[in-house]
Amino acid sequence: MPKYVDPEARRRDVVDALFRVVVRDGLQRTSLRAVADEAALNIGSLRHYFASQQELMDFAMQSMLDRLGSRLLQHVEQIGELSRHPRPEQVRLAADLLAELLPLDERRRAEVTVFLDFNAAARTNPDFGDLARRAAAGARRLAHRVLTRLDEAGTLRPGRDIDIETERLTALLDGLGLSAVLHPDIVSPQTCIDVLRAHLSDLSLPIEDKPTDPAT
């Protein structure tokens, strides 16, 4: 009896192989044959799941966005109501949530590397444009949501323009991601976290010292 192959599981395996090829060789050198070799498949088997490189890339990018979305949702559920946490903890939790967009471990480094290559290709390839725009819009929505929740919790300094701060925060995340991928010896994962937390702390109200008891 022929061995049953789960099509969705096989597609995920192919996507993982695609990520490894892009991280190692770059998107421009990523072909269906290179991905098939990496996934230990023949080219005919790969074409059974993906008829073209465009279809494979679209599926890979959507899979990456879905994985990221799932991790973010888990973070949000774990945090719960932000205002129930002390102010320093709010900043840490917000930074940890946003850090899912940064290359802090092997998995996220692969995702950010593929994302950067994909966006570079989208500049001249309109076939990639829609997903690239959706990814960029999603990052801004996340930044806006985090800042809004901090503001509603009374943590942000008064008078902050959330739309402007969203662009600043998004630019910071983009810059950290790019630098950490290109220069990991200069911008380490810990540096990314420290910078992100420092930025959010600068946007937040200072922690008031506990009042001194006059009797002491």
N, C-alpha and C. Protein backbone atom coordinates (compact mmCIF):
# COMPACT_ATOMS: atom_id res chain seq x y z
N MET A 1 0.85 -1.20 0.00
CA MET A 1 0.00 0.00 0.00
C MET A 1 0.88 1.25 0.00
N PRO A 2 0.61 2.21 -0.89
CA PRO A 2 1.42 3.44 -0.94
C PRO A 2 1.35 4.18 0.38
N LYS A 3 2.48 4.75 0.76
CA LYS A 3 2.55 5.51 2.00
C LYS A 3 1.78 6.81 1.86
N TYR A 4 0.90 7.11 2.85
CA TYR A 4 0.13 8.35 2.80
C TYR A 4 1.01 9.53 3.19
N VAL A 5 0.92 10.59 2.41
CA VAL A 5 1.67 11.81 2.68
C VAL A 5 0.67 12.94 2.93
N ASP A 6 0.76 13.55 4.08
CA ASP A 6 -0.11 14.67 4.42
C ASP A 6 0.31 15.88 3.57
N PRO A 7 -0.56 16.33 2.66
CA PRO A 7 -0.17 17.44 1.77
C PRO A 7 0.22 18.70 2.51
N GLU A 8 -0.52 19.04 3.58
CA GLU A 8 -0.21 20.26 4.32
C GLU A 8 1.12 20.14 5.04
N ALA A 9 1.37 18.97 5.60
CA ALA A 9 2.66 18.76 6.28
C ALA A 9 3.80 18.83 5.28
N ARG A 10 3.60 18.27 4.09
CA ARG A 10 4.64 18.32 3.07
C ARG A 10 4.88 19.76 2.62
N ARG A 11 3.82 20.53 2.48
CA ARG A 11 3.99 21.93 2.10
C ARG A 11 4.78 22.69 3.16
N ARG A 12 4.49 22.41 4.43
CA ARG A 12 5.25 23.08 5.51
C ARG A 12 6.72 22.68 5.45
N ASP A 13 6.98 21.41 5.15
CA ASP A 13 8.38 20.96 5.03
C ASP A 13 9.08 21.70 3.89
N VAL A 14 8.36 21.89 2.79
CA VAL A 14 8.93 22.59 1.64
C VAL A 14 9.21 24.05 1.99
N VAL A 15 8.28 24.67 2.72
CA VAL A 15 8.48 26.06 3.13
C VAL A 15 9.71 26.17 4.02
N ASP A 16 9.88 25.24 4.95
CA ASP A 16 11.06 25.26 5.82
C ASP A 16 12.34 25.12 4.98
N ALA A 17 12.27 24.26 3.95
CA ALA A 17 13.43 24.10 3.06
C ALA A 17 13.69 25.38 2.29
N LEU A 18 12.63 26.04 1.84
CA LEU A 18 12.78 27.32 1.14
C LEU A 18 13.47 28.34 2.04
N PHE A 19 13.05 28.43 3.29
CA PHE A 19 13.67 29.38 4.22
C PHE A 19 15.17 29.10 4.35
N ARG A 20 15.52 27.83 4.47
CA ARG A 20 16.94 27.49 4.64
C ARG A 20 17.74 27.89 3.40
N VAL A 21 17.18 27.70 2.23
CA VAL A 21 17.87 28.07 0.99
C VAL A 21 18.03 29.57 0.89
N VAL A 22 16.96 30.32 1.20
CA VAL A 22 17.03 31.78 1.11
C VAL A 22 18.04 32.33 2.11
N VAL A 23 18.03 31.81 3.34
CA VAL A 23 18.98 32.27 4.35
C VAL A 23 20.41 31.99 3.91
N ARG A 24 20.62 30.84 3.31
CA ARG A 24 21.98 30.43 2.93
C ARG A 24 22.43 31.09 1.64
N ASP A 25 21.55 31.15 0.63
CA ASP A 25 21.97 31.56 -0.71
C ASP A 25 21.33 32.87 -1.20
N GLY A 26 20.29 33.34 -0.54
CA GLY A 26 19.61 34.54 -1.00
C GLY A 26 18.44 34.20 -1.92
N LEU A 27 17.46 35.09 -1.96
CA LEU A 27 16.25 34.84 -2.73
C LEU A 27 16.53 34.74 -4.22
N GLN A 28 17.45 35.55 -4.72
CA GLN A 28 17.71 35.55 -6.16
C GLN A 28 18.25 34.21 -6.65
N ARG A 29 18.90 33.46 -5.78
CA ARG A 29 19.46 32.16 -6.16
C ARG A 29 18.56 30.99 -5.76
N THR A 30 17.36 31.33 -5.29
CA THR A 30 16.44 30.29 -4.84
C THR A 30 15.55 29.85 -6.00
N SER A 31 15.71 28.63 -6.43
CA SER A 31 14.91 28.07 -7.51
C SER A 31 14.11 26.88 -6.99
N LEU A 32 13.12 26.44 -7.77
CA LEU A 32 12.36 25.26 -7.38
C LEU A 32 13.28 24.05 -7.22
N ARG A 33 14.27 23.93 -8.10
CA ARG A 33 15.18 22.79 -8.01
C ARG A 33 16.01 22.86 -6.73
N ALA A 34 16.48 24.06 -6.38
CA ALA A 34 17.27 24.20 -5.15
C ALA A 34 16.44 23.85 -3.93
N VAL A 35 15.18 24.27 -3.92
CA VAL A 35 14.29 23.96 -2.80
C VAL A 35 13.98 22.47 -2.77
N ALA A 36 13.76 21.87 -3.94
CA ALA A 36 13.49 20.43 -4.01
C ALA A 36 14.67 19.64 -3.45
N ASP A 37 15.88 20.03 -3.83
CA ASP A 37 17.08 19.35 -3.32
C ASP A 37 17.17 19.49 -1.81
N GLU A 38 16.89 20.69 -1.31
CA GLU A 38 16.97 20.93 0.14
C GLU A 38 15.93 20.11 0.89
N ALA A 39 14.76 19.93 0.29
CA ALA A 39 13.68 19.18 0.92
C ALA A 39 13.77 17.69 0.65
N ALA A 40 14.83 17.26 -0.08
CA ALA A 40 15.02 15.85 -0.43
C ALA A 40 13.86 15.31 -1.26
N LEU A 41 13.41 16.14 -2.22
CA LEU A 41 12.35 15.75 -3.14
C LEU A 41 12.87 15.88 -4.55
N ASN A 42 12.27 15.14 -5.47
CA ASN A 42 12.58 15.40 -6.87
C ASN A 42 11.70 16.55 -7.35
N ILE A 43 12.12 17.17 -8.43
CA ILE A 43 11.43 18.37 -8.89
C ILE A 43 9.98 18.09 -9.26
N GLY A 44 9.72 16.88 -9.75
CA GLY A 44 8.35 16.51 -10.11
C GLY A 44 7.44 16.46 -8.89
N SER A 45 7.97 15.91 -7.78
CA SER A 45 7.19 15.86 -6.55
C SER A 45 6.90 17.25 -6.02
N LEU A 46 7.90 18.13 -6.11
CA LEU A 46 7.70 19.50 -5.64
C LEU A 46 6.63 20.21 -6.47
N ARG A 47 6.65 20.00 -7.76
CA ARG A 47 5.66 20.66 -8.63
C ARG A 47 4.26 20.11 -8.39
N HIS A 48 4.16 18.95 -7.77
CA HIS A 48 2.85 18.43 -7.41
C HIS A 48 2.18 19.32 -6.38
N TYR A 49 3.00 19.97 -5.53
CA TYR A 49 2.47 20.84 -4.49
C TYR A 49 2.50 22.31 -4.87
N PHE A 50 3.49 22.70 -5.65
CA PHE A 50 3.63 24.10 -6.08
C PHE A 50 3.97 24.11 -7.56
N ALA A 51 3.08 24.69 -8.36
CA ALA A 51 3.26 24.65 -9.81
C ALA A 51 4.35 25.60 -10.29
N SER A 52 4.65 26.61 -9.50
CA SER A 52 5.63 27.60 -9.94
C SER A 52 6.36 28.17 -8.72
N GLN A 53 7.47 28.84 -8.99
CA GLN A 53 8.22 29.50 -7.92
C GLN A 53 7.38 30.60 -7.29
N GLN A 54 6.59 31.30 -8.10
CA GLN A 54 5.72 32.35 -7.58
C GLN A 54 4.73 31.78 -6.57
N GLU A 55 4.12 30.66 -6.92
CA GLU A 55 3.16 30.03 -6.02
C GLU A 55 3.83 29.60 -4.72
N LEU A 56 5.04 29.05 -4.83
CA LEU A 56 5.78 28.64 -3.64
C LEU A 56 6.12 29.84 -2.76
N MET A 57 6.58 30.92 -3.36
CA MET A 57 6.94 32.10 -2.59
C MET A 57 5.72 32.71 -1.91
N ASP A 58 4.61 32.77 -2.62
CA ASP A 58 3.38 33.30 -2.03
C ASP A 58 2.97 32.47 -0.82
N PHE A 59 3.01 31.17 -0.99
CA PHE A 59 2.62 30.27 0.11
C PHE A 59 3.58 30.41 1.28
N ALA A 60 4.87 30.52 0.99
CA ALA A 60 5.88 30.63 2.05
C ALA A 60 5.69 31.92 2.85
N MET A 61 5.46 33.02 2.16
CA MET A 61 5.28 34.29 2.86
C MET A 61 4.00 34.28 3.68
N GLN A 62 2.93 33.73 3.12
CA GLN A 62 1.68 33.66 3.88
C GLN A 62 1.84 32.75 5.09
N SER A 63 2.58 31.65 4.92
CA SER A 63 2.83 30.76 6.05
C SER A 63 3.61 31.47 7.15
N MET A 64 4.58 32.27 6.75
CA MET A 64 5.37 33.01 7.72
C MET A 64 4.48 33.99 8.49
N LEU A 65 3.61 34.69 7.78
CA LEU A 65 2.72 35.65 8.43
C LEU A 65 1.75 34.93 9.36
N ASP A 66 1.28 33.75 8.94
CA ASP A 66 0.37 32.98 9.80
C ASP A 66 1.07 32.52 11.06
N ARG A 67 2.33 32.05 10.93
CA ARG A 67 3.08 31.60 12.11
C ARG A 67 3.31 32.77 13.06
N LEU A 68 3.68 33.90 12.51
CA LEU A 68 3.91 35.08 13.33
C LEU A 68 2.63 35.50 14.03
N GLY A 69 1.53 35.52 13.28
CA GLY A 69 0.25 35.89 13.86
C GLY A 69 -0.15 34.98 15.01
N SER A 70 0.11 33.70 14.86
CA SER A 70 -0.21 32.74 15.92
C SER A 70 0.62 33.01 17.17
N ARG A 71 1.91 33.30 17.00
CA ARG A 71 2.76 33.58 18.16
C ARG A 71 2.33 34.89 18.84
N LEU A 72 1.98 35.88 18.05
CA LEU A 72 1.54 37.15 18.63
C LEU A 72 0.25 36.97 19.42
N LEU A 73 -0.65 36.18 18.90
CA LEU A 73 -1.92 35.93 19.59
C LEU A 73 -1.67 35.25 20.93
N GLN A 74 -0.73 34.31 20.96
CA GLN A 74 -0.38 33.65 22.22
C GLN A 74 0.16 34.65 23.23
N HIS A 75 1.00 35.57 22.75
CA HIS A 75 1.54 36.62 23.64
C HIS A 75 0.41 37.47 24.20
N VAL A 76 -0.49 37.89 23.34
CA VAL A 76 -1.59 38.77 23.78
C VAL A 76 -2.45 38.06 24.81
N GLU A 77 -2.74 36.79 24.59
CA GLU A 77 -3.56 36.03 25.53
C GLU A 77 -2.85 35.87 26.87
N GLN A 78 -1.54 35.68 26.84
CA GLN A 78 -0.78 35.52 28.08
C GLN A 78 -0.71 36.82 28.86
N ILE A 79 -0.62 37.94 28.16
CA ILE A 79 -0.53 39.24 28.83
C ILE A 79 -1.85 39.60 29.50
N GLY A 80 -2.97 39.33 28.80
CA GLY A 80 -4.27 39.69 29.34
C GLY A 80 -4.45 41.20 29.40
N GLU A 81 -5.09 41.69 30.45
CA GLU A 81 -5.31 43.12 30.60
C GLU A 81 -3.99 43.78 31.00
N LEU A 82 -3.48 44.65 30.15
CA LEU A 82 -2.17 45.23 30.38
C LEU A 82 -2.12 46.06 31.65
N SER A 83 -3.21 46.76 31.95
CA SER A 83 -3.21 47.69 33.09
C SER A 83 -3.08 46.98 34.43
N ARG A 84 -3.28 45.66 34.48
CA ARG A 84 -3.15 44.95 35.75
C ARG A 84 -1.70 44.69 36.13
N HIS A 85 -0.79 44.97 35.18
CA HIS A 85 0.63 44.76 35.43
C HIS A 85 1.28 46.07 35.89
N PRO A 86 2.30 46.01 36.75
CA PRO A 86 3.05 47.23 37.11
C PRO A 86 3.66 47.87 35.86
N ARG A 87 3.90 49.17 35.93
CA ARG A 87 4.37 49.90 34.75
C ARG A 87 5.66 49.33 34.14
N PRO A 88 6.69 49.01 34.93
CA PRO A 88 7.89 48.43 34.32
C PRO A 88 7.60 47.10 33.62
N GLU A 89 6.67 46.33 34.20
CA GLU A 89 6.30 45.05 33.58
C GLU A 89 5.54 45.27 32.29
N GLN A 90 4.74 46.33 32.23
CA GLN A 90 4.03 46.65 30.99
C GLN A 90 5.02 46.90 29.85
N VAL A 91 6.06 47.65 30.14
CA VAL A 91 7.07 47.95 29.12
C VAL A 91 7.78 46.66 28.68
N ARG A 92 8.11 45.82 29.64
CA ARG A 92 8.79 44.57 29.29
C ARG A 92 7.89 43.67 28.44
N LEU A 93 6.63 43.55 28.83
CA LEU A 93 5.69 42.71 28.09
C LEU A 93 5.47 43.24 26.68
N ALA A 94 5.35 44.57 26.56
CA ALA A 94 5.17 45.17 25.25
C ALA A 94 6.39 44.93 24.36
N ALA A 95 7.58 45.06 24.94
CA ALA A 95 8.80 44.83 24.17
C ALA A 95 8.91 43.37 23.75
N ASP A 96 8.56 42.45 24.64
CA ASP A 96 8.62 41.03 24.29
C ASP A 96 7.65 40.69 23.16
N LEU A 97 6.50 41.33 23.16
CA LEU A 97 5.53 41.11 22.09
C LEU A 97 6.09 41.60 20.75
N LEU A 98 6.62 42.82 20.75
CA LEU A 98 7.18 43.40 19.52
C LEU A 98 8.43 42.64 19.07
N ALA A 99 9.13 42.02 20.00
CA ALA A 99 10.36 41.31 19.67
C ALA A 99 10.12 40.10 18.78
N GLU A 100 8.86 39.68 18.63
CA GLU A 100 8.57 38.60 17.69
C GLU A 100 8.91 39.01 16.25
N LEU A 101 9.04 40.31 16.01
CA LEU A 101 9.39 40.80 14.68
C LEU A 101 10.90 40.91 14.47
N LEU A 102 11.68 40.57 15.48
CA LEU A 102 13.14 40.76 15.41
C LEU A 102 13.86 39.41 15.36
N PRO A 103 15.06 39.39 14.76
CA PRO A 103 15.81 38.13 14.59
C PRO A 103 16.58 37.75 15.86
N LEU A 104 15.86 37.33 16.88
CA LEU A 104 16.48 37.07 18.17
C LEU A 104 16.90 35.61 18.36
N ASP A 105 16.43 34.73 17.51
CA ASP A 105 16.84 33.32 17.56
C ASP A 105 16.84 32.79 16.12
N GLU A 106 17.19 31.53 15.97
CA GLU A 106 17.35 30.97 14.62
C GLU A 106 16.07 31.05 13.82
N ARG A 107 14.95 30.74 14.44
CA ARG A 107 13.66 30.77 13.73
C ARG A 107 13.33 32.18 13.25
N ARG A 108 13.41 33.14 14.18
CA ARG A 108 13.06 34.51 13.80
C ARG A 108 14.10 35.13 12.88
N ARG A 109 15.35 34.71 13.01
CA ARG A 109 16.38 35.21 12.08
C ARG A 109 16.06 34.76 10.66
N ALA A 110 15.64 33.50 10.50
CA ALA A 110 15.27 33.01 9.18
C ALA A 110 14.08 33.79 8.63
N GLU A 111 13.09 34.05 9.48
CA GLU A 111 11.90 34.77 9.03
C GLU A 111 12.25 36.19 8.60
N VAL A 112 13.03 36.88 9.40
CA VAL A 112 13.38 38.26 9.05
C VAL A 112 14.25 38.30 7.80
N THR A 113 15.16 37.35 7.65
CA THR A 113 16.02 37.30 6.46
C THR A 113 15.18 37.10 5.21
N VAL A 114 14.25 36.15 5.26
CA VAL A 114 13.37 35.91 4.12
C VAL A 114 12.51 37.15 3.85
N PHE A 115 12.02 37.76 4.91
CA PHE A 115 11.18 38.95 4.76
C PHE A 115 11.94 40.08 4.08
N LEU A 116 13.19 40.30 4.48
CA LEU A 116 13.99 41.36 3.88
C LEU A 116 14.24 41.09 2.40
N ASP A 117 14.60 39.85 2.07
CA ASP A 117 14.84 39.50 0.67
C ASP A 117 13.56 39.63 -0.14
N PHE A 118 12.46 39.21 0.45
CA PHE A 118 11.17 39.28 -0.23
C PHE A 118 10.79 40.72 -0.53
N ASN A 119 11.00 41.61 0.43
CA ASN A 119 10.66 43.02 0.22
C ASN A 119 11.56 43.67 -0.81
N ALA A 120 12.83 43.28 -0.82
CA ALA A 120 13.73 43.81 -1.84
C ALA A 120 13.26 43.38 -3.23
N ALA A 121 12.81 42.12 -3.34
CA ALA A 121 12.31 41.64 -4.63
C ALA A 121 11.01 42.33 -5.02
N ALA A 122 10.19 42.65 -4.02
CA ALA A 122 8.90 43.28 -4.30
C ALA A 122 9.05 44.66 -4.90
N ARG A 123 10.19 45.30 -4.68
CA ARG A 123 10.40 46.64 -5.24
C ARG A 123 10.33 46.63 -6.75
N THR A 124 10.78 45.55 -7.38
CA THR A 124 10.79 45.49 -8.85
C THR A 124 9.89 44.39 -9.39
N ASN A 125 9.33 43.56 -8.52
CA ASN A 125 8.46 42.47 -8.96
C ASN A 125 7.06 42.70 -8.42
N PRO A 126 6.13 43.16 -9.26
CA PRO A 126 4.78 43.47 -8.77
C PRO A 126 4.05 42.24 -8.25
N ASP A 127 4.48 41.05 -8.64
CA ASP A 127 3.82 39.84 -8.15
C ASP A 127 3.97 39.67 -6.64
N PHE A 128 5.02 40.27 -6.08
CA PHE A 128 5.25 40.18 -4.65
C PHE A 128 4.67 41.37 -3.89
N GLY A 129 4.15 42.35 -4.62
CA GLY A 129 3.76 43.61 -4.00
C GLY A 129 2.67 43.49 -2.97
N ASP A 130 1.64 42.70 -3.24
CA ASP A 130 0.49 42.63 -2.34
C ASP A 130 0.89 42.08 -0.97
N LEU A 131 1.60 40.97 -0.96
CA LEU A 131 2.01 40.38 0.32
C LEU A 131 2.98 41.29 1.07
N ALA A 132 3.86 41.95 0.35
CA ALA A 132 4.81 42.86 1.00
C ALA A 132 4.06 44.01 1.68
N ARG A 133 3.06 44.55 1.00
CA ARG A 133 2.26 45.64 1.59
C ARG A 133 1.48 45.14 2.80
N ARG A 134 0.92 43.94 2.71
CA ARG A 134 0.16 43.39 3.83
C ARG A 134 1.07 43.18 5.04
N ALA A 135 2.27 42.70 4.80
CA ALA A 135 3.21 42.49 5.90
C ALA A 135 3.58 43.81 6.56
N ALA A 136 3.86 44.83 5.74
CA ALA A 136 4.21 46.15 6.28
C ALA A 136 3.05 46.75 7.06
N ALA A 137 1.84 46.59 6.53
CA ALA A 137 0.66 47.12 7.22
C ALA A 137 0.44 46.38 8.53
N GLY A 138 0.70 45.06 8.53
CA GLY A 138 0.53 44.28 9.75
C GLY A 138 1.48 44.71 10.85
N ALA A 139 2.73 45.03 10.48
CA ALA A 139 3.70 45.49 11.47
C ALA A 139 3.26 46.82 12.08
N ARG A 140 2.73 47.69 11.26
CA ARG A 140 2.25 48.98 11.77
C ARG A 140 1.03 48.81 12.66
N ARG A 141 0.15 47.91 12.29
CA ARG A 141 -1.02 47.67 13.15
C ARG A 141 -0.59 47.15 14.51
N LEU A 142 0.40 46.27 14.51
CA LEU A 142 0.89 45.74 15.78
C LEU A 142 1.49 46.85 16.64
N ALA A 143 2.35 47.68 16.04
CA ALA A 143 2.97 48.78 16.78
C ALA A 143 1.90 49.73 17.31
N HIS A 144 0.91 50.04 16.48
CA HIS A 144 -0.16 50.95 16.88
C HIS A 144 -0.97 50.34 18.03
N ARG A 145 -1.23 49.05 17.95
CA ARG A 145 -2.02 48.39 19.00
C ARG A 145 -1.27 48.39 20.32
N VAL A 146 0.02 48.10 20.28
CA VAL A 146 0.82 48.09 21.50
C VAL A 146 0.85 49.47 22.14
N LEU A 147 1.09 50.49 21.34
CA LEU A 147 1.15 51.86 21.88
C LEU A 147 -0.22 52.30 22.41
N THR A 148 -1.27 51.91 21.72
CA THR A 148 -2.62 52.27 22.18
C THR A 148 -2.93 51.63 23.53
N ARG A 149 -2.55 50.36 23.67
CA ARG A 149 -2.80 49.67 24.94
C ARG A 149 -1.98 50.29 26.07
N LEU A 150 -0.75 50.67 25.78
CA LEU A 150 0.06 51.36 26.80
C LEU A 150 -0.56 52.70 27.17
N ASP A 151 -1.09 53.40 26.18
CA ASP A 151 -1.73 54.69 26.43
C ASP A 151 -2.99 54.52 27.26
N GLU A 152 -3.80 53.52 26.91
CA GLU A 152 -5.04 53.28 27.66
C GLU A 152 -4.77 52.85 29.10
N ALA A 153 -3.60 52.22 29.31
CA ALA A 153 -3.22 51.81 30.66
C ALA A 153 -2.64 52.96 31.47
N GLY A 154 -2.52 54.14 30.84
CA GLY A 154 -1.97 55.30 31.53
C GLY A 154 -0.47 55.28 31.66
N THR A 155 0.20 54.53 30.80
CA THR A 155 1.64 54.37 30.89
C THR A 155 2.40 55.38 30.03
N LEU A 156 1.87 55.71 28.85
CA LEU A 156 2.56 56.65 27.97
C LEU A 156 2.51 58.07 28.52
N ARG A 157 3.53 58.84 28.20
CA ARG A 157 3.53 60.25 28.57
C ARG A 157 2.36 60.95 27.87
N PRO A 158 1.71 61.88 28.52
CA PRO A 158 0.57 62.59 27.91
C PRO A 158 1.02 63.37 26.66
N GLY A 159 0.10 63.51 25.73
CA GLY A 159 0.34 64.32 24.55
C GLY A 159 1.05 63.61 23.42
N ARG A 160 1.32 62.32 23.56
CA ARG A 160 1.98 61.58 22.49
C ARG A 160 1.01 61.38 21.33
N ASP A 161 1.48 61.63 20.11
CA ASP A 161 0.70 61.37 18.92
C ASP A 161 0.92 59.90 18.54
N ILE A 162 -0.10 59.08 18.74
CA ILE A 162 0.05 57.64 18.55
C ILE A 162 0.43 57.30 17.11
N ASP A 163 -0.11 58.04 16.15
CA ASP A 163 0.21 57.75 14.74
C ASP A 163 1.69 58.03 14.46
N ILE A 164 2.19 59.15 14.96
CA ILE A 164 3.61 59.47 14.78
C ILE A 164 4.48 58.46 15.50
N GLU A 165 4.11 58.13 16.73
CA GLU A 165 4.90 57.17 17.50
C GLU A 165 4.86 55.79 16.87
N THR A 166 3.78 55.47 16.19
CA THR A 166 3.70 54.19 15.47
C THR A 166 4.75 54.13 14.37
N GLU A 167 4.89 55.24 13.64
CA GLU A 167 5.89 55.27 12.57
C GLU A 167 7.30 55.21 13.14
N ARG A 168 7.53 55.90 14.23
CA ARG A 168 8.86 55.86 14.87
C ARG A 168 9.19 54.44 15.34
N LEU A 169 8.23 53.81 15.97
CA LEU A 169 8.46 52.46 16.49
C LEU A 169 8.65 51.46 15.35
N THR A 170 7.85 51.60 14.30
CA THR A 170 8.00 50.70 13.15
C THR A 170 9.37 50.87 12.50
N ALA A 171 9.80 52.13 12.37
CA ALA A 171 11.12 52.39 11.79
C ALA A 171 12.23 51.80 12.65
N LEU A 172 12.07 51.88 13.96
CA LEU A 172 13.05 51.30 14.88
C LEU A 172 13.12 49.78 14.70
N LEU A 173 11.97 49.14 14.64
CA LEU A 173 11.93 47.68 14.45
C LEU A 173 12.56 47.29 13.12
N ASP A 174 12.24 48.05 12.06
CA ASP A 174 12.82 47.75 10.74
C ASP A 174 14.34 47.90 10.78
N GLY A 175 14.81 48.98 11.40
CA GLY A 175 16.25 49.21 11.46
C GLY A 175 16.98 48.16 12.28
N LEU A 176 16.41 47.79 13.41
CA LEU A 176 17.03 46.75 14.24
C LEU A 176 17.06 45.41 13.51
N GLY A 177 15.96 45.09 12.84
CA GLY A 177 15.91 43.82 12.11
C GLY A 177 16.94 43.76 11.01
N LEU A 178 17.04 44.82 10.24
CA LEU A 178 18.02 44.86 9.15
C LEU A 178 19.45 44.79 9.69
N SER A 179 19.75 45.59 10.69
CA SER A 179 21.11 45.62 11.24
C SER A 179 21.49 44.29 11.88
N ALA A 180 20.55 43.68 12.58
CA ALA A 180 20.85 42.42 13.26
C ALA A 180 21.07 41.28 12.27
N VAL A 181 20.41 41.34 11.11
CA VAL A 181 20.63 40.32 10.07
C VAL A 181 21.95 40.56 9.35
N LEU A 182 22.22 41.82 9.01
CA LEU A 182 23.44 42.12 8.24
C LEU A 182 24.69 42.13 9.11
N HIS A 183 24.55 42.57 10.37
CA HIS A 183 25.72 42.72 11.24
C HIS A 183 25.46 42.10 12.62
N PRO A 184 25.27 40.79 12.67
CA PRO A 184 24.97 40.16 13.97
C PRO A 184 26.09 40.29 14.98
N ASP A 185 27.32 40.54 14.49
CA ASP A 185 28.43 40.72 15.41
C ASP A 185 28.40 42.10 16.07
N ILE A 186 27.64 43.02 15.49
CA ILE A 186 27.52 44.38 16.04
C ILE A 186 26.20 44.55 16.80
N VAL A 187 25.11 44.10 16.18
CA VAL A 187 23.78 44.24 16.77
C VAL A 187 23.31 42.84 17.19
N SER A 188 23.50 42.53 18.45
CA SER A 188 23.15 41.22 18.98
C SER A 188 21.67 41.18 19.37
N PRO A 189 21.13 39.98 19.60
CA PRO A 189 19.75 39.90 20.09
C PRO A 189 19.53 40.70 21.37
N GLN A 190 20.49 40.65 22.28
CA GLN A 190 20.33 41.41 23.53
C GLN A 190 20.32 42.91 23.27
N THR A 191 21.14 43.35 22.31
CA THR A 191 21.13 44.77 21.95
C THR A 191 19.76 45.18 21.41
N CYS A 192 19.17 44.33 20.58
CA CYS A 192 17.83 44.62 20.05
C CYS A 192 16.83 44.79 21.18
N ILE A 193 16.84 43.88 22.12
CA ILE A 193 15.90 43.95 23.24
C ILE A 193 16.15 45.20 24.08
N ASP A 194 17.43 45.48 24.37
CA ASP A 194 17.76 46.65 25.19
C ASP A 194 17.30 47.94 24.53
N VAL A 195 17.53 48.06 23.23
CA VAL A 195 17.13 49.28 22.51
C VAL A 195 15.62 49.42 22.48
N LEU A 196 14.94 48.31 22.23
CA LEU A 196 13.48 48.34 22.16
C LEU A 196 12.88 48.73 23.51
N ARG A 197 13.38 48.14 24.58
CA ARG A 197 12.87 48.47 25.90
C ARG A 197 13.19 49.92 26.28
N ALA A 198 14.38 50.39 25.89
CA ALA A 198 14.75 51.77 26.18
C ALA A 198 13.83 52.74 25.45
N HIS A 199 13.49 52.42 24.22
CA HIS A 199 12.59 53.30 23.45
C HIS A 199 11.23 53.37 24.11
N LEU A 200 10.67 52.22 24.47
CA LEU A 200 9.36 52.21 25.11
C LEU A 200 9.40 52.89 26.47
N SER A 201 10.50 52.73 27.19
CA SER A 201 10.64 53.40 28.49
C SER A 201 10.67 54.91 28.32
N ASP A 202 11.34 55.39 27.26
CA ASP A 202 11.40 56.84 27.01
C ASP A 202 10.02 57.41 26.69
N LEU A 203 9.15 56.58 26.12
CA LEU A 203 7.79 57.03 25.81
C LEU A 203 6.88 57.01 27.02
N SER A 204 7.32 56.33 28.08
CA SER A 204 6.47 56.11 29.24
C SER A 204 6.72 57.13 30.34
N LEU A 205 5.73 57.27 31.18
CA LEU A 205 5.88 58.14 32.35
C LEU A 205 6.96 57.58 33.27
N PRO A 206 7.70 58.47 33.94
CA PRO A 206 8.70 57.97 34.89
C PRO A 206 8.02 57.29 36.07
N ILE A 207 8.73 56.33 36.65
CA ILE A 207 8.20 55.64 37.82
C ILE A 207 8.42 56.53 39.03
N GLU A 208 7.34 56.87 39.70
CA GLU A 208 7.44 57.77 40.86
C GLU A 208 8.05 57.04 42.04
N ASP A 209 8.94 57.74 42.70
CA ASP A 209 9.51 57.17 43.92
C ASP A 209 8.43 57.07 45.00
N LYS A 210 8.53 56.03 45.79
CA LYS A 210 7.57 55.91 46.91
C LYS A 210 7.78 57.05 47.88
N PRO A 211 6.70 57.66 48.37
CA PRO A 211 6.84 58.79 49.30
C PRO A 211 7.50 58.35 50.60
N THR A 212 8.29 59.24 51.11
CA THR A 212 9.00 58.94 52.34
C THR A 212 8.07 59.16 53.54
N ASP A 213 8.08 58.23 54.44
CA ASP A 213 7.25 58.35 55.65
C ASP A 213 7.87 59.42 56.55
N PRO A 214 7.15 60.51 56.86
CA PRO A 214 7.71 61.58 57.67
C PRO A 214 8.15 61.11 59.05
N ALA A 215 7.54 60.02 59.53
CA ALA A 215 7.86 59.55 60.88
C ALA A 215 9.19 58.82 60.94
N THR A 216 9.75 58.48 59.77
CA THR A 216 11.01 57.73 59.77
C THR A 216 12.18 58.66 59.63
